[in-house]
Amino acid sequence: MCGRFTLFVKPDDLKERYNLEEIPFELIPRYNIAPAQNIAAIINDKGKNRIGQLKWGLIPSWSKDEKMAYKMINAKAEIIREKPSFKNLFIRKRCIIPADGFYEWKRIGNDKQPMRIMMRDEGVFSLAGLYDTWINPDGIRINTCTIITTKPNTLMAYIHDRMPVIIKQEDESLWLDRNIQDGDLLETLLLPYDEKQMKAYPVSKMVGNVRNDIYQDLTL
């Protein structure tokens, strides 16, 4: 699964990376982003990339309540076209969640060591996501999302049996294009990322507590 990640890029650098005209919210450094929190997400609207905030944990538009969100922080790529919660969103409502690292816990005997995984150049990369809008009983619109996961590459297999889908930069426009609804084509993007472009290192177990969101407290 993918249950924690980081994003502490400067706003201007993020705007340049994704060709954004503006960031309509305060983008603050985040070192321990967790489910149920609002996270930055990018969609394409009328040919332009736009960034906003989505609550992490998908609530399908047809859901009777918001309890499903806690079970739907991730969507497995292997069944994404079969599961009712995801199959229509995969065709119509795809997004990118920018990150510059994510955490996973490596089992060592009876213990678990948290690891931070990132690009070798330490740059921002694009997690593949799906989003939807749910209207609660009070009529309030809640925009939520999920992160797609796939089987691990060789680097991640050493740490965990799943990894988030990372969209190659050259494929980002295809992924975000709402006019592209070819499921077979889109599914070719849901592959493990090239491990040669990634690295991993251990971090403090303090990352297990979502209240610890200070970078210097999480490094070893």
N, C-alpha and C. Protein backbone atom coordinates (compact mmCIF):
# COMPACT_ATOMS: atom_id res chain seq x y z
N MET A 1 0.84 -1.19 0.00
CA MET A 1 0.00 0.00 0.00
C MET A 1 0.88 1.24 0.00
N CYS A 2 0.26 2.39 -0.15
CA CYS A 2 0.95 3.66 0.01
C CYS A 2 0.16 4.44 1.03
N GLY A 3 0.75 4.64 2.23
CA GLY A 3 0.01 5.26 3.30
C GLY A 3 0.59 6.54 3.86
N ARG A 4 1.80 6.91 3.41
CA ARG A 4 2.41 8.16 3.83
C ARG A 4 3.32 8.67 2.71
N PHE A 5 3.39 9.99 2.55
CA PHE A 5 4.34 10.53 1.59
C PHE A 5 4.73 11.95 1.97
N THR A 6 5.65 12.53 1.21
CA THR A 6 6.18 13.85 1.52
C THR A 6 6.05 14.77 0.31
N LEU A 7 5.97 16.06 0.59
CA LEU A 7 6.02 17.07 -0.46
C LEU A 7 6.48 18.39 0.17
N PHE A 8 7.73 18.77 -0.08
CA PHE A 8 8.20 20.04 0.46
C PHE A 8 8.91 20.87 -0.60
N VAL A 9 8.39 20.78 -1.83
CA VAL A 9 8.88 21.59 -2.94
C VAL A 9 8.42 23.04 -2.80
N LYS A 10 9.20 23.97 -3.32
CA LYS A 10 8.81 25.36 -3.31
C LYS A 10 7.67 25.59 -4.30
N PRO A 11 6.72 26.47 -3.95
CA PRO A 11 5.56 26.71 -4.83
C PRO A 11 5.94 27.05 -6.27
N ASP A 12 6.92 27.92 -6.46
CA ASP A 12 7.31 28.31 -7.82
C ASP A 12 7.88 27.13 -8.60
N ASP A 13 8.60 26.26 -7.92
CA ASP A 13 9.15 25.08 -8.59
C ASP A 13 8.04 24.11 -8.98
N LEU A 14 7.02 24.00 -8.13
CA LEU A 14 5.90 23.12 -8.46
C LEU A 14 5.11 23.68 -9.64
N LYS A 15 4.92 24.98 -9.67
CA LYS A 15 4.22 25.62 -10.78
C LYS A 15 4.95 25.37 -12.09
N GLU A 16 6.25 25.48 -12.05
CA GLU A 16 7.04 25.26 -13.27
C GLU A 16 7.00 23.79 -13.68
N ARG A 17 7.09 22.91 -12.70
CA ARG A 17 7.13 21.46 -13.00
C ARG A 17 5.85 21.01 -13.70
N TYR A 18 4.71 21.54 -13.28
CA TYR A 18 3.42 21.07 -13.82
C TYR A 18 2.72 22.12 -14.68
N ASN A 19 3.42 23.17 -15.03
CA ASN A 19 2.87 24.20 -15.89
C ASN A 19 1.55 24.75 -15.32
N LEU A 20 1.63 25.17 -14.07
CA LEU A 20 0.46 25.70 -13.37
C LEU A 20 0.47 27.22 -13.40
N GLU A 21 -0.69 27.81 -13.60
CA GLU A 21 -0.78 29.26 -13.59
C GLU A 21 -0.78 29.80 -12.16
N GLU A 22 -1.37 29.06 -11.25
CA GLU A 22 -1.43 29.50 -9.86
C GLU A 22 -1.62 28.31 -8.93
N ILE A 23 -1.35 28.52 -7.66
CA ILE A 23 -1.65 27.54 -6.61
C ILE A 23 -2.61 28.24 -5.65
N PRO A 24 -3.89 27.92 -5.71
CA PRO A 24 -4.91 28.68 -4.97
C PRO A 24 -5.06 28.30 -3.50
N PHE A 25 -3.99 27.85 -2.89
CA PHE A 25 -3.99 27.54 -1.46
C PHE A 25 -2.55 27.65 -0.98
N GLU A 26 -2.36 27.72 0.31
CA GLU A 26 -1.01 27.83 0.86
C GLU A 26 -0.32 26.47 0.79
N LEU A 27 0.76 26.41 0.04
CA LEU A 27 1.51 25.17 -0.09
C LEU A 27 2.62 25.19 0.94
N ILE A 28 2.45 24.43 2.00
CA ILE A 28 3.44 24.40 3.08
C ILE A 28 4.22 23.09 3.01
N PRO A 29 5.47 23.06 3.49
CA PRO A 29 6.24 21.81 3.48
C PRO A 29 5.55 20.73 4.31
N ARG A 30 5.43 19.55 3.72
CA ARG A 30 4.80 18.42 4.41
C ARG A 30 5.75 17.23 4.38
N TYR A 31 6.06 16.71 5.56
CA TYR A 31 7.04 15.63 5.67
C TYR A 31 6.43 14.31 6.11
N ASN A 32 5.13 14.32 6.37
CA ASN A 32 4.49 13.08 6.84
C ASN A 32 3.00 13.14 6.52
N ILE A 33 2.69 13.22 5.23
CA ILE A 33 1.31 13.34 4.78
C ILE A 33 0.60 12.00 4.97
N ALA A 34 -0.60 12.04 5.53
CA ALA A 34 -1.30 10.82 5.92
C ALA A 34 -2.73 10.81 5.40
N PRO A 35 -3.36 9.62 5.35
CA PRO A 35 -4.76 9.52 4.94
C PRO A 35 -5.67 10.38 5.80
N ALA A 36 -6.79 10.79 5.20
CA ALA A 36 -7.81 11.64 5.82
C ALA A 36 -7.41 13.11 5.84
N GLN A 37 -6.19 13.42 5.38
CA GLN A 37 -5.76 14.81 5.29
C GLN A 37 -6.01 15.34 3.88
N ASN A 38 -6.07 16.66 3.75
CA ASN A 38 -6.17 17.27 2.43
C ASN A 38 -4.79 17.25 1.77
N ILE A 39 -4.75 16.83 0.52
CA ILE A 39 -3.48 16.74 -0.20
C ILE A 39 -3.59 17.46 -1.54
N ALA A 40 -2.45 17.92 -2.04
CA ALA A 40 -2.42 18.60 -3.33
C ALA A 40 -2.63 17.58 -4.44
N ALA A 41 -3.45 17.95 -5.42
CA ALA A 41 -3.72 17.06 -6.55
C ALA A 41 -3.92 17.91 -7.81
N ILE A 42 -3.53 17.35 -8.94
CA ILE A 42 -3.58 18.06 -10.21
C ILE A 42 -4.51 17.35 -11.18
N ILE A 43 -5.37 18.12 -11.84
CA ILE A 43 -6.22 17.62 -12.92
C ILE A 43 -5.97 18.50 -14.14
N ASN A 44 -6.49 18.08 -15.27
CA ASN A 44 -6.43 18.90 -16.47
C ASN A 44 -7.85 19.31 -16.82
N ASP A 45 -8.06 20.61 -16.96
CA ASP A 45 -9.38 21.16 -17.26
C ASP A 45 -9.28 22.07 -18.48
N LYS A 46 -9.93 21.67 -19.55
CA LYS A 46 -9.95 22.45 -20.79
C LYS A 46 -8.53 22.75 -21.29
N GLY A 47 -7.69 21.74 -21.20
CA GLY A 47 -6.33 21.85 -21.73
C GLY A 47 -5.32 22.48 -20.80
N LYS A 48 -5.74 22.88 -19.60
CA LYS A 48 -4.82 23.50 -18.65
C LYS A 48 -4.75 22.68 -17.36
N ASN A 49 -3.54 22.55 -16.84
CA ASN A 49 -3.38 21.87 -15.56
C ASN A 49 -3.82 22.79 -14.43
N ARG A 50 -4.58 22.22 -13.50
CA ARG A 50 -5.03 22.96 -12.32
C ARG A 50 -4.71 22.15 -11.09
N ILE A 51 -4.35 22.85 -10.01
CA ILE A 51 -4.05 22.18 -8.76
C ILE A 51 -5.05 22.60 -7.70
N GLY A 52 -5.46 21.65 -6.89
CA GLY A 52 -6.38 21.92 -5.79
C GLY A 52 -6.09 20.95 -4.67
N GLN A 53 -7.00 20.86 -3.72
CA GLN A 53 -6.82 19.95 -2.59
C GLN A 53 -7.96 18.94 -2.55
N LEU A 54 -7.59 17.69 -2.34
CA LEU A 54 -8.53 16.59 -2.21
C LEU A 54 -8.28 15.89 -0.88
N LYS A 55 -9.33 15.38 -0.29
CA LYS A 55 -9.16 14.60 0.94
C LYS A 55 -8.72 13.20 0.57
N TRP A 56 -7.66 12.73 1.21
CA TRP A 56 -7.10 11.42 0.87
C TRP A 56 -7.91 10.30 1.52
N GLY A 57 -8.58 9.53 0.69
CA GLY A 57 -9.46 8.45 1.12
C GLY A 57 -10.74 8.58 0.32
N LEU A 58 -10.88 7.77 -0.71
CA LEU A 58 -11.96 7.94 -1.68
C LEU A 58 -13.33 7.64 -1.09
N ILE A 59 -14.26 8.56 -1.33
CA ILE A 59 -15.68 8.32 -1.06
C ILE A 59 -16.39 8.41 -2.39
N PRO A 60 -16.82 7.28 -2.96
CA PRO A 60 -17.53 7.33 -4.24
C PRO A 60 -18.78 8.19 -4.16
N SER A 61 -19.14 8.79 -5.27
CA SER A 61 -20.29 9.69 -5.28
C SER A 61 -21.58 9.01 -4.85
N TRP A 62 -21.66 7.69 -5.07
CA TRP A 62 -22.89 6.96 -4.74
C TRP A 62 -22.90 6.40 -3.32
N SER A 63 -21.84 6.64 -2.56
CA SER A 63 -21.74 6.09 -1.21
C SER A 63 -22.80 6.68 -0.29
N LYS A 64 -23.32 5.86 0.62
CA LYS A 64 -24.32 6.32 1.58
C LYS A 64 -23.70 7.10 2.73
N ASP A 65 -22.44 6.80 3.05
CA ASP A 65 -21.75 7.51 4.12
C ASP A 65 -20.27 7.58 3.81
N GLU A 66 -19.51 8.20 4.69
CA GLU A 66 -18.09 8.41 4.44
C GLU A 66 -17.19 7.35 5.05
N LYS A 67 -17.76 6.29 5.57
CA LYS A 67 -16.97 5.25 6.21
C LYS A 67 -16.03 4.54 5.22
N MET A 68 -16.40 4.51 3.95
CA MET A 68 -15.59 3.82 2.95
C MET A 68 -14.22 4.46 2.79
N ALA A 69 -14.09 5.74 3.11
CA ALA A 69 -12.85 6.47 2.86
C ALA A 69 -11.65 5.81 3.52
N TYR A 70 -11.84 5.28 4.72
CA TYR A 70 -10.73 4.71 5.46
C TYR A 70 -10.24 3.41 4.83
N LYS A 71 -11.08 2.79 4.01
CA LYS A 71 -10.70 1.55 3.35
C LYS A 71 -10.20 1.78 1.92
N MET A 72 -10.26 3.01 1.46
CA MET A 72 -10.00 3.27 0.05
C MET A 72 -8.96 4.37 -0.16
N ILE A 73 -7.88 4.30 0.62
CA ILE A 73 -6.78 5.23 0.39
C ILE A 73 -5.96 4.78 -0.83
N ASN A 74 -6.06 3.50 -1.16
CA ASN A 74 -5.36 2.95 -2.32
C ASN A 74 -6.30 2.17 -3.21
N ALA A 75 -5.93 2.08 -4.49
CA ALA A 75 -6.68 1.28 -5.47
C ALA A 75 -5.67 0.38 -6.19
N LYS A 76 -5.89 -0.91 -6.17
CA LYS A 76 -4.97 -1.85 -6.82
C LYS A 76 -5.11 -1.78 -8.33
N ALA A 77 -3.99 -1.58 -9.01
CA ALA A 77 -4.00 -1.47 -10.46
C ALA A 77 -4.56 -2.73 -11.13
N GLU A 78 -4.30 -3.87 -10.53
CA GLU A 78 -4.69 -5.13 -11.15
C GLU A 78 -6.20 -5.33 -11.24
N ILE A 79 -6.95 -4.65 -10.38
CA ILE A 79 -8.40 -4.84 -10.37
C ILE A 79 -9.15 -3.53 -10.59
N ILE A 80 -8.43 -2.50 -11.02
CA ILE A 80 -9.03 -1.17 -11.09
C ILE A 80 -10.17 -1.08 -12.10
N ARG A 81 -10.13 -1.93 -13.13
CA ARG A 81 -11.18 -1.89 -14.16
C ARG A 81 -12.34 -2.81 -13.82
N GLU A 82 -12.24 -3.50 -12.71
CA GLU A 82 -13.29 -4.42 -12.30
C GLU A 82 -14.11 -3.91 -11.11
N LYS A 83 -13.46 -3.22 -10.20
CA LYS A 83 -14.12 -2.81 -8.97
C LYS A 83 -15.04 -1.62 -9.22
N PRO A 84 -16.31 -1.71 -8.82
CA PRO A 84 -17.28 -0.63 -9.07
C PRO A 84 -16.82 0.74 -8.56
N SER A 85 -16.08 0.77 -7.47
CA SER A 85 -15.65 2.04 -6.90
C SER A 85 -14.65 2.77 -7.77
N PHE A 86 -13.95 2.01 -8.64
CA PHE A 86 -12.85 2.59 -9.40
C PHE A 86 -13.02 2.61 -10.91
N LYS A 87 -13.76 1.67 -11.46
CA LYS A 87 -13.72 1.47 -12.91
C LYS A 87 -14.17 2.68 -13.72
N ASN A 88 -15.20 3.36 -13.27
CA ASN A 88 -15.66 4.55 -14.00
C ASN A 88 -14.72 5.74 -13.79
N LEU A 89 -14.18 5.85 -12.59
CA LEU A 89 -13.24 6.94 -12.30
C LEU A 89 -11.96 6.78 -13.12
N PHE A 90 -11.55 5.54 -13.33
CA PHE A 90 -10.35 5.26 -14.12
C PHE A 90 -10.48 5.82 -15.53
N ILE A 91 -11.69 5.83 -16.04
CA ILE A 91 -11.93 6.35 -17.38
C ILE A 91 -12.16 7.85 -17.37
N ARG A 92 -12.79 8.37 -16.33
CA ARG A 92 -13.26 9.76 -16.38
C ARG A 92 -12.60 10.74 -15.40
N LYS A 93 -12.07 10.24 -14.28
CA LYS A 93 -11.62 11.15 -13.23
C LYS A 93 -10.24 10.73 -12.70
N ARG A 94 -9.23 11.03 -13.50
CA ARG A 94 -7.85 10.70 -13.12
C ARG A 94 -7.13 11.98 -12.66
N CYS A 95 -6.25 11.82 -11.72
CA CYS A 95 -5.49 12.96 -11.23
C CYS A 95 -4.05 12.55 -10.96
N ILE A 96 -3.23 13.55 -10.72
CA ILE A 96 -1.84 13.35 -10.32
C ILE A 96 -1.66 13.93 -8.93
N ILE A 97 -0.98 13.19 -8.08
CA ILE A 97 -0.67 13.66 -6.74
C ILE A 97 0.84 13.86 -6.67
N PRO A 98 1.31 15.11 -6.67
CA PRO A 98 2.75 15.35 -6.64
C PRO A 98 3.36 14.96 -5.30
N ALA A 99 4.55 14.38 -5.36
CA ALA A 99 5.26 13.95 -4.16
C ALA A 99 6.75 14.04 -4.42
N ASP A 100 7.54 14.10 -3.37
CA ASP A 100 8.99 14.00 -3.54
C ASP A 100 9.57 12.87 -2.70
N GLY A 101 8.69 12.05 -2.15
CA GLY A 101 9.10 10.86 -1.42
C GLY A 101 7.88 10.17 -0.83
N PHE A 102 8.01 8.89 -0.54
CA PHE A 102 6.95 8.19 0.18
C PHE A 102 7.59 7.21 1.15
N TYR A 103 6.81 6.80 2.15
CA TYR A 103 7.32 5.91 3.18
C TYR A 103 6.72 4.51 3.04
N GLU A 104 7.53 3.53 3.38
CA GLU A 104 7.03 2.16 3.49
C GLU A 104 7.81 1.48 4.61
N TRP A 105 7.19 0.50 5.22
CA TRP A 105 7.80 -0.17 6.37
C TRP A 105 8.36 -1.52 5.96
N LYS A 106 9.66 -1.69 6.17
CA LYS A 106 10.37 -2.93 5.83
C LYS A 106 10.42 -3.83 7.07
N ARG A 107 9.97 -5.08 6.90
CA ARG A 107 9.99 -6.01 8.02
C ARG A 107 11.40 -6.57 8.20
N ILE A 108 11.90 -6.49 9.43
CA ILE A 108 13.20 -7.06 9.79
C ILE A 108 12.98 -7.92 11.03
N GLY A 109 12.87 -9.24 10.82
CA GLY A 109 12.54 -10.12 11.93
C GLY A 109 11.17 -9.80 12.47
N ASN A 110 11.10 -9.50 13.76
CA ASN A 110 9.82 -9.14 14.37
C ASN A 110 9.61 -7.63 14.42
N ASP A 111 10.51 -6.91 13.80
CA ASP A 111 10.44 -5.46 13.83
C ASP A 111 10.15 -4.90 12.44
N LYS A 112 9.81 -3.61 12.37
CA LYS A 112 9.59 -2.94 11.10
C LYS A 112 10.39 -1.64 11.07
N GLN A 113 11.13 -1.45 9.98
CA GLN A 113 11.93 -0.26 9.81
C GLN A 113 11.31 0.63 8.74
N PRO A 114 10.88 1.85 9.09
CA PRO A 114 10.34 2.74 8.06
C PRO A 114 11.44 3.20 7.11
N MET A 115 11.10 3.24 5.82
CA MET A 115 12.03 3.65 4.78
C MET A 115 11.40 4.79 3.99
N ARG A 116 12.24 5.72 3.56
CA ARG A 116 11.76 6.76 2.64
C ARG A 116 12.28 6.45 1.26
N ILE A 117 11.37 6.45 0.28
CA ILE A 117 11.72 6.13 -1.09
C ILE A 117 11.53 7.39 -1.93
N MET A 118 12.47 7.67 -2.81
CA MET A 118 12.42 8.89 -3.60
C MET A 118 13.19 8.70 -4.90
N MET A 119 13.19 9.71 -5.74
CA MET A 119 13.97 9.67 -6.96
C MET A 119 15.44 9.93 -6.64
N ARG A 120 16.32 9.40 -7.46
CA ARG A 120 17.75 9.62 -7.25
C ARG A 120 18.12 11.09 -7.33
N ASP A 121 17.41 11.83 -8.19
CA ASP A 121 17.69 13.27 -8.30
C ASP A 121 16.94 14.08 -7.24
N GLU A 122 16.17 13.39 -6.39
CA GLU A 122 15.41 13.98 -5.29
C GLU A 122 14.34 14.95 -5.78
N GLY A 123 13.94 14.80 -7.03
CA GLY A 123 12.94 15.68 -7.60
C GLY A 123 11.51 15.24 -7.33
N VAL A 124 10.57 16.08 -7.74
CA VAL A 124 9.14 15.78 -7.60
C VAL A 124 8.73 14.74 -8.65
N PHE A 125 7.84 13.84 -8.25
CA PHE A 125 7.30 12.85 -9.18
C PHE A 125 5.79 12.77 -9.01
N SER A 126 5.14 12.04 -9.91
CA SER A 126 3.67 12.06 -10.01
C SER A 126 3.06 10.71 -9.63
N LEU A 127 2.35 10.69 -8.52
CA LEU A 127 1.59 9.50 -8.13
C LEU A 127 0.27 9.49 -8.89
N ALA A 128 -0.10 8.33 -9.41
CA ALA A 128 -1.36 8.20 -10.14
C ALA A 128 -2.52 8.11 -9.16
N GLY A 129 -3.54 8.94 -9.39
CA GLY A 129 -4.69 8.94 -8.51
C GLY A 129 -6.01 8.98 -9.25
N LEU A 130 -7.07 8.68 -8.53
CA LEU A 130 -8.44 8.82 -9.00
C LEU A 130 -9.17 9.70 -8.00
N TYR A 131 -10.17 10.43 -8.47
CA TYR A 131 -10.90 11.31 -7.54
C TYR A 131 -12.40 11.24 -7.81
N ASP A 132 -13.16 11.70 -6.84
CA ASP A 132 -14.61 11.77 -6.98
C ASP A 132 -15.14 12.82 -6.02
N THR A 133 -16.40 13.19 -6.22
CA THR A 133 -17.06 14.17 -5.34
C THR A 133 -18.26 13.52 -4.69
N TRP A 134 -18.31 13.59 -3.37
CA TRP A 134 -19.41 13.03 -2.58
C TRP A 134 -20.14 14.18 -1.89
N ILE A 135 -21.45 14.12 -1.87
CA ILE A 135 -22.25 15.14 -1.19
C ILE A 135 -22.79 14.54 0.10
N ASN A 136 -22.40 15.14 1.22
CA ASN A 136 -22.81 14.58 2.51
C ASN A 136 -24.26 14.94 2.82
N PRO A 137 -24.82 14.39 3.90
CA PRO A 137 -26.24 14.64 4.21
C PRO A 137 -26.60 16.11 4.39
N ASP A 138 -25.62 16.94 4.68
CA ASP A 138 -25.88 18.37 4.84
C ASP A 138 -25.75 19.13 3.53
N GLY A 139 -25.51 18.40 2.43
CA GLY A 139 -25.40 19.04 1.13
C GLY A 139 -24.03 19.61 0.81
N ILE A 140 -23.04 19.28 1.64
CA ILE A 140 -21.68 19.79 1.43
C ILE A 140 -20.92 18.85 0.50
N ARG A 141 -20.27 19.42 -0.52
CA ARG A 141 -19.49 18.65 -1.47
C ARG A 141 -18.11 18.34 -0.87
N ILE A 142 -17.73 17.08 -0.89
CA ILE A 142 -16.43 16.65 -0.37
C ILE A 142 -15.67 15.97 -1.51
N ASN A 143 -14.55 16.55 -1.89
CA ASN A 143 -13.74 16.01 -2.98
C ASN A 143 -12.66 15.11 -2.40
N THR A 144 -12.63 13.86 -2.85
CA THR A 144 -11.72 12.88 -2.27
C THR A 144 -10.94 12.16 -3.36
N CYS A 145 -9.89 11.45 -2.93
CA CYS A 145 -9.06 10.75 -3.92
C CYS A 145 -8.47 9.48 -3.32
N THR A 146 -7.91 8.68 -4.21
CA THR A 146 -7.19 7.47 -3.84
C THR A 146 -5.92 7.39 -4.68
N ILE A 147 -4.90 6.74 -4.17
CA ILE A 147 -3.64 6.54 -4.88
C ILE A 147 -3.58 5.11 -5.40
N ILE A 148 -3.25 4.97 -6.67
CA ILE A 148 -3.18 3.65 -7.30
C ILE A 148 -1.86 2.97 -6.94
N THR A 149 -1.92 1.69 -6.62
CA THR A 149 -0.72 0.92 -6.32
C THR A 149 -0.56 -0.23 -7.31
N THR A 150 0.66 -0.74 -7.40
CA THR A 150 0.97 -1.85 -8.30
C THR A 150 1.98 -2.78 -7.64
N LYS A 151 2.40 -3.81 -8.35
CA LYS A 151 3.42 -4.71 -7.81
C LYS A 151 4.74 -3.96 -7.70
N PRO A 152 5.65 -4.42 -6.85
CA PRO A 152 6.88 -3.66 -6.61
C PRO A 152 7.93 -3.88 -7.69
N ASN A 153 8.78 -2.86 -7.90
CA ASN A 153 9.98 -3.08 -8.70
C ASN A 153 11.02 -3.76 -7.81
N THR A 154 12.22 -4.00 -8.31
CA THR A 154 13.21 -4.75 -7.52
C THR A 154 13.66 -3.98 -6.27
N LEU A 155 13.71 -2.67 -6.35
CA LEU A 155 14.06 -1.88 -5.17
C LEU A 155 13.00 -2.02 -4.10
N MET A 156 11.75 -1.89 -4.49
CA MET A 156 10.65 -1.93 -3.53
C MET A 156 10.40 -3.34 -3.01
N ALA A 157 10.67 -4.36 -3.82
CA ALA A 157 10.44 -5.74 -3.38
C ALA A 157 11.28 -6.07 -2.15
N TYR A 158 12.39 -5.38 -2.02
CA TYR A 158 13.28 -5.54 -0.86
C TYR A 158 12.64 -4.93 0.39
N ILE A 159 11.66 -4.05 0.18
CA ILE A 159 11.04 -3.32 1.29
C ILE A 159 9.60 -3.76 1.54
N HIS A 160 8.81 -3.88 0.46
CA HIS A 160 7.37 -4.13 0.61
C HIS A 160 6.84 -4.81 -0.65
N ASP A 161 5.63 -5.39 -0.55
CA ASP A 161 5.09 -6.12 -1.69
C ASP A 161 4.21 -5.27 -2.61
N ARG A 162 4.10 -3.96 -2.31
CA ARG A 162 3.36 -3.05 -3.17
C ARG A 162 4.13 -1.74 -3.29
N MET A 163 3.79 -0.95 -4.30
CA MET A 163 4.34 0.40 -4.42
C MET A 163 3.32 1.26 -5.15
N PRO A 164 3.37 2.58 -4.95
CA PRO A 164 2.44 3.44 -5.69
C PRO A 164 2.81 3.49 -7.16
N VAL A 165 1.81 3.66 -8.01
CA VAL A 165 2.07 3.88 -9.44
C VAL A 165 2.62 5.29 -9.61
N ILE A 166 3.79 5.37 -10.26
CA ILE A 166 4.41 6.66 -10.57
C ILE A 166 4.32 6.86 -12.08
N ILE A 167 3.65 7.91 -12.49
CA ILE A 167 3.48 8.20 -13.91
C ILE A 167 4.74 8.88 -14.44
N LYS A 168 5.29 8.34 -15.52
CA LYS A 168 6.45 8.97 -16.14
C LYS A 168 6.08 10.38 -16.59
N GLN A 169 7.05 11.28 -16.53
CA GLN A 169 6.77 12.67 -16.87
C GLN A 169 6.23 12.81 -18.29
N GLU A 170 6.76 12.01 -19.21
CA GLU A 170 6.31 12.09 -20.59
C GLU A 170 4.89 11.54 -20.79
N ASP A 171 4.36 10.83 -19.78
CA ASP A 171 3.02 10.26 -19.88
C ASP A 171 1.98 11.04 -19.08
N GLU A 172 2.41 12.07 -18.39
CA GLU A 172 1.49 12.80 -17.51
C GLU A 172 0.34 13.44 -18.27
N SER A 173 0.61 14.03 -19.41
CA SER A 173 -0.46 14.68 -20.17
C SER A 173 -1.48 13.65 -20.65
N LEU A 174 -1.01 12.49 -21.02
CA LEU A 174 -1.92 11.42 -21.44
C LEU A 174 -2.82 11.00 -20.27
N TRP A 175 -2.21 10.79 -19.12
CA TRP A 175 -2.95 10.36 -17.93
C TRP A 175 -4.03 11.37 -17.53
N LEU A 176 -3.72 12.65 -17.66
CA LEU A 176 -4.64 13.69 -17.22
C LEU A 176 -5.70 14.05 -18.26
N ASP A 177 -5.49 13.66 -19.51
CA ASP A 177 -6.39 14.04 -20.59
C ASP A 177 -7.74 13.33 -20.46
N ARG A 178 -8.78 14.10 -20.17
CA ARG A 178 -10.10 13.52 -19.97
C ARG A 178 -10.69 12.95 -21.26
N ASN A 179 -10.19 13.39 -22.39
CA ASN A 179 -10.70 12.89 -23.66
C ASN A 179 -10.19 11.49 -23.98
N ILE A 180 -9.15 11.07 -23.29
CA ILE A 180 -8.63 9.72 -23.49
C ILE A 180 -9.35 8.77 -22.54
N GLN A 181 -10.14 7.89 -23.12
CA GLN A 181 -10.93 6.96 -22.32
C GLN A 181 -10.69 5.51 -22.74
N ASP A 182 -9.54 5.28 -23.34
CA ASP A 182 -9.14 3.94 -23.76
C ASP A 182 -8.53 3.21 -22.57
N GLY A 183 -9.30 2.33 -21.95
CA GLY A 183 -8.84 1.63 -20.75
C GLY A 183 -7.58 0.82 -20.98
N ASP A 184 -7.49 0.17 -22.14
CA ASP A 184 -6.30 -0.64 -22.44
C ASP A 184 -5.06 0.24 -22.50
N LEU A 185 -5.17 1.40 -23.13
CA LEU A 185 -4.04 2.31 -23.22
C LEU A 185 -3.66 2.84 -21.85
N LEU A 186 -4.64 3.26 -21.09
CA LEU A 186 -4.38 3.82 -19.77
C LEU A 186 -3.75 2.78 -18.84
N GLU A 187 -4.17 1.55 -18.99
CA GLU A 187 -3.64 0.49 -18.12
C GLU A 187 -2.15 0.24 -18.36
N THR A 188 -1.64 0.57 -19.54
CA THR A 188 -0.21 0.39 -19.81
C THR A 188 0.65 1.34 -18.98
N LEU A 189 0.04 2.36 -18.38
CA LEU A 189 0.79 3.31 -17.56
C LEU A 189 0.92 2.85 -16.12
N LEU A 190 0.19 1.82 -15.76
CA LEU A 190 0.13 1.39 -14.34
C LEU A 190 1.17 0.32 -14.05
N LEU A 191 2.41 0.60 -14.37
CA LEU A 191 3.50 -0.35 -14.21
C LEU A 191 4.46 0.09 -13.11
N PRO A 192 5.23 -0.84 -12.55
CA PRO A 192 6.25 -0.44 -11.57
C PRO A 192 7.26 0.52 -12.20
N TYR A 193 7.64 1.54 -11.46
CA TYR A 193 8.57 2.54 -11.97
C TYR A 193 9.99 1.96 -12.03
N ASP A 194 10.81 2.55 -12.90
CA ASP A 194 12.18 2.08 -13.08
C ASP A 194 12.98 2.24 -11.79
N GLU A 195 13.38 1.12 -11.21
CA GLU A 195 14.10 1.15 -9.94
C GLU A 195 15.47 1.84 -10.05
N LYS A 196 16.03 1.89 -11.23
CA LYS A 196 17.34 2.53 -11.41
C LYS A 196 17.27 4.04 -11.17
N GLN A 197 16.07 4.59 -11.24
CA GLN A 197 15.90 6.03 -11.02
C GLN A 197 15.47 6.35 -9.59
N MET A 198 15.46 5.34 -8.72
CA MET A 198 14.95 5.52 -7.37
C MET A 198 16.01 5.13 -6.33
N LYS A 199 15.79 5.60 -5.11
CA LYS A 199 16.65 5.21 -4.00
C LYS A 199 15.81 5.15 -2.73
N ALA A 200 16.34 4.53 -1.70
CA ALA A 200 15.63 4.39 -0.43
C ALA A 200 16.60 4.47 0.73
N TYR A 201 16.13 5.00 1.84
CA TYR A 201 16.98 5.06 3.03
C TYR A 201 16.10 4.98 4.28
N PRO A 202 16.64 4.50 5.40
CA PRO A 202 15.85 4.37 6.63
C PRO A 202 15.61 5.71 7.30
N VAL A 203 14.45 5.82 7.96
CA VAL A 203 14.10 7.02 8.71
C VAL A 203 13.65 6.61 10.11
N SER A 204 13.49 7.60 10.97
CA SER A 204 13.08 7.35 12.34
C SER A 204 11.68 6.73 12.42
N LYS A 205 11.46 5.92 13.43
CA LYS A 205 10.14 5.33 13.64
C LYS A 205 9.11 6.37 14.06
N MET A 206 9.57 7.59 14.32
CA MET A 206 8.64 8.67 14.64
C MET A 206 7.67 8.95 13.50
N VAL A 207 8.04 8.51 12.28
CA VAL A 207 7.16 8.73 11.14
C VAL A 207 5.85 7.97 11.30
N GLY A 208 5.84 6.98 12.18
CA GLY A 208 4.63 6.22 12.42
C GLY A 208 3.54 7.03 13.08
N ASN A 209 3.90 8.16 13.67
CA ASN A 209 2.92 9.05 14.31
C ASN A 209 2.66 10.22 13.38
N VAL A 210 1.43 10.38 12.94
CA VAL A 210 1.12 11.42 11.95
C VAL A 210 1.36 12.82 12.48
N ARG A 211 1.45 12.97 13.79
CA ARG A 211 1.68 14.30 14.36
C ARG A 211 3.13 14.74 14.18
N ASN A 212 4.01 13.79 13.89
CA ASN A 212 5.41 14.12 13.63
C ASN A 212 5.58 14.47 12.17
N ASP A 213 5.59 15.75 11.91
CA ASP A 213 5.63 16.24 10.54
C ASP A 213 6.81 17.20 10.33
N ILE A 214 7.88 16.94 11.09
CA ILE A 214 9.07 17.78 11.01
C ILE A 214 10.22 16.95 10.48
N TYR A 215 10.78 17.37 9.36
CA TYR A 215 11.75 16.57 8.63
C TYR A 215 12.95 16.17 9.49
N GLN A 216 13.51 17.10 10.27
CA GLN A 216 14.72 16.78 10.99
C GLN A 216 14.47 15.74 12.09
N ASP A 217 13.20 15.58 12.49
CA ASP A 217 12.88 14.57 13.52
C ASP A 217 12.68 13.18 12.91
N LEU A 218 12.57 13.11 11.59
CA LEU A 218 12.26 11.83 10.95
C LEU A 218 13.47 11.17 10.31
N THR A 219 14.55 11.90 10.15
CA THR A 219 15.74 11.31 9.55
C THR A 219 16.56 10.58 10.60
N LEU A 220 17.36 9.61 10.17
CA LEU A 220 18.24 8.89 11.08
C LEU A 220 19.65 9.47 11.01
